[in-house]
Structure formats: C-alpha cells, structure tokens
C-alpha atoms as a PDB file:
ATOM      1  CA  MET A   1     -22.228   5.939  19.855  1.00  0.00           C
ATOM      2  CA  PRO A   2     -19.931   4.055  17.978  1.00  0.00           C
ATOM      3  CA  ALA A   3     -16.064   3.514  19.513  1.00  0.00           C
ATOM      4  CA  PHE A   4     -13.300   5.403  18.872  1.00  0.00           C
ATOM      5  CA  GLN A   5     -11.202   3.887  16.697  1.00  0.00           C
ATOM      6  CA  PRO A   6      -7.131   5.300  16.530  1.00  0.00           C
ATOM      7  CA  ASN A   7      -5.769   2.228  14.726  1.00  0.00           C
ATOM      8  CA  ASN A   8      -8.248   1.995  11.908  1.00  0.00           C
ATOM      9  CA  PRO A   9      -7.522   4.204   8.921  1.00  0.00           C
ATOM     10  CA  LEU A  10     -10.922   3.820   7.391  1.00  0.00           C
ATOM     11  CA  HIS A  11     -13.534   4.031  10.160  1.00  0.00           C
ATOM     12  CA  GLY A  12     -15.912   6.956   9.512  1.00  0.00           C
ATOM     13  CA  VAL A  13     -14.475   7.294   5.966  1.00  0.00           C
ATOM     14  CA  THR A  14     -17.100   6.544   3.325  1.00  0.00           C
ATOM     15  CA  LEU A  15     -16.312   5.282   0.075  1.00  0.00           C
ATOM     16  CA  GLU A  16     -17.188   8.737  -1.887  1.00  0.00           C
ATOM     17  CA  GLN A  17     -14.888  10.546   0.665  1.00  0.00           C
ATOM     18  CA  LEU A  18     -12.120   7.542   0.099  1.00  0.00           C
ATOM     19  CA  LEU A  19     -12.436   7.725  -3.910  1.00  0.00           C
ATOM     20  CA  ASN A  20     -12.416  11.249  -3.858  1.00  0.00           C
ATOM     21  CA  ASP A  21      -9.010  11.808  -1.380  1.00  0.00           C
ATOM     22  CA  LEU A  22      -7.355   8.975  -4.263  1.00  0.00           C
ATOM     23  CA  VAL A  23      -8.262  11.154  -6.944  1.00  0.00           C
ATOM     24  CA  ALA A  24      -7.037  14.157  -5.592  1.00  0.00           C
ATOM     25  CA  PHE A  25      -4.124  12.701  -4.303  1.00  0.00           C
ATOM     26  CA  TYR A  26      -3.242  10.524  -6.947  1.00  0.00           C
ATOM     27  CA  GLY A  27      -5.241  11.517  -9.999  1.00  0.00           C
ATOM     28  CA  TRP A  28      -8.087   8.889 -12.517  1.00  0.00           C
ATOM     29  CA  GLU A  29      -4.738   8.292 -15.045  1.00  0.00           C
ATOM     30  CA  ALA A  30      -2.688   6.839 -11.704  1.00  0.00           C
ATOM     31  CA  LEU A  31      -5.312   5.420 -10.099  1.00  0.00           C
ATOM     32  CA  GLY A  32      -5.719   3.474 -13.581  1.00  0.00           C
ATOM     33  CA  ARG A  33      -1.757   2.467 -13.199  1.00  0.00           C
ATOM     34  CA  LYS A  34      -1.906   1.414  -9.712  1.00  0.00           C
ATOM     35  CA  ILE A  35      -4.926  -0.265  -9.777  1.00  0.00           C
ATOM     36  CA  GLY A  36      -6.023  -1.463 -13.570  1.00  0.00           C
ATOM     37  CA  ILE A  37      -9.917  -1.373 -13.464  1.00  0.00           C
ATOM     38  CA  ARG A  38     -11.870  -0.320 -15.791  1.00  0.00           C
ATOM     39  CA  CYS A  39     -13.851   2.241 -14.436  1.00  0.00           C
ATOM     40  CA  PHE A  40     -10.464   4.313 -13.468  1.00  0.00           C
ATOM     41  CA  THR A  41      -9.105   3.704 -16.917  1.00  0.00           C
ATOM     42  CA  HIS A  42     -12.387   4.460 -19.248  1.00  0.00           C
ATOM     43  CA  ASP A  43     -13.968   7.315 -19.006  1.00  0.00           C
ATOM     44  CA  PRO A  44     -13.748   7.954 -15.302  1.00  0.00           C
ATOM     45  CA  SER A  45     -16.114   9.696 -12.943  1.00  0.00           C
ATOM     46  CA  ILE A  46     -16.754   8.973  -8.966  1.00  0.00           C
ATOM     47  CA  THR A  47     -20.539   7.725  -9.914  1.00  0.00           C
ATOM     48  CA  SER A  48     -19.407   4.856 -12.181  1.00  0.00           C
ATOM     49  CA  SER A  49     -16.538   3.989  -9.739  1.00  0.00           C
ATOM     50  CA  LEU A  50     -18.505   3.574  -6.503  1.00  0.00           C
ATOM     51  CA  LYS A  51     -21.248   1.490  -8.085  1.00  0.00           C
ATOM     52  CA  PHE A  52     -18.448  -0.388  -9.486  1.00  0.00           C
ATOM     53  CA  LEU A  53     -17.058  -0.656  -5.991  1.00  0.00           C
ATOM     54  CA  ARG A  54     -19.830  -1.180  -4.408  1.00  0.00           C
ATOM     55  CA  ARG A  55     -20.833  -4.803  -6.073  1.00  0.00           C
ATOM     56  CA  THR A  56     -17.042  -5.346  -6.131  1.00  0.00           C
ATOM     57  CA  PRO A  57     -15.525  -6.665  -3.034  1.00  0.00           C
ATOM     58  CA  TRP A  58     -11.638  -7.720  -4.400  1.00  0.00           C
ATOM     59  CA  ALA A  59     -11.582  -4.068  -6.370  1.00  0.00           C
ATOM     60  CA  ARG A  60     -12.878  -2.108  -2.721  1.00  0.00           C
ATOM     61  CA  THR A  61     -10.085  -4.107  -0.749  1.00  0.00           C
ATOM     62  CA  ARG A  62      -7.432  -2.774  -3.408  1.00  0.00           C
ATOM     63  CA  VAL A  63      -8.651   0.759  -3.319  1.00  0.00           C
ATOM     64  CA  GLU A  64      -9.134   0.865   0.327  1.00  0.00           C
ATOM     65  CA  SER A  65      -5.187  -0.469   0.810  1.00  0.00           C
ATOM     66  CA  LEU A  66      -3.862   2.351  -1.567  1.00  0.00           C
ATOM     67  CA  TYR A  67      -5.828   4.579   0.653  1.00  0.00           C
ATOM     68  CA  ILE A  68      -4.665   3.226   3.998  1.00  0.00           C
ATOM     69  CA  GLU A  69      -1.035   3.801   2.494  1.00  0.00           C
ATOM     70  CA  MET A  70      -1.786   7.216   1.628  1.00  0.00           C
ATOM     71  CA  VAL A  71      -2.983   8.016   4.535  1.00  0.00           C
ATOM     72  CA  GLN A  72      -0.280   6.753   6.297  1.00  0.00           C
ATOM     73  CA  GLY A  73       2.074   8.183   4.024  1.00  0.00           C
ATOM     74  CA  THR A  74       3.929   5.137   2.447  1.00  0.00           C
ATOM     75  CA  GLY A  75       1.991   5.655  -0.813  1.00  0.00           C
ATOM     76  CA  THR A  76       3.591   8.920  -3.223  1.00  0.00           C
ATOM     77  CA  GLY A  77       1.879  11.083  -5.869  1.00  0.00           C
ATOM     78  CA  GLN A  78       3.935   9.701  -8.316  1.00  0.00           C
ATOM     79  CA  LEU A  79       4.833   6.394 -10.589  1.00  0.00           C
END
C-alpha cells in the first residue's frame, strides 16, 4: 500500500484527471494562453493533449506546475 504524502498535491492524481481539472477550471483558451503549446490552442482535446504530454517532459512539468498552483489557490480563473 502506497504511503500517504500530504505535501505532494500530485500524489494519486492521474494525468488525465489533472488535465480534466485544469480544463474545467481554466478552459482550453486560457490554458493555451498560460501554456503556449499547440495541443491546447489548435483543435484541443483531452486525448491529443494526453498523448503530447506523455511524450514531452517539459510540457508535462509546466502543466503539473499550473495544476499545483490551482490546487493551492494561487492560480486564478482569469488572465
């Protein structure tokens, strides 16, 4: 059984869940402005974004950082 990690907001969160939460909070348009990657700006979808993020570590790191900001309340829904 995995150990509880209270200081790790990503613990137990799948990339798909993380992305769905970000899209629900910010929307695709705002995500595309915050993180300028094509999978958010041109015909965005969860499937294409997951495929790109799984293959591109720098982009995944930026998305995870934005998720942590959102969870901690430092991110805003507006730009």
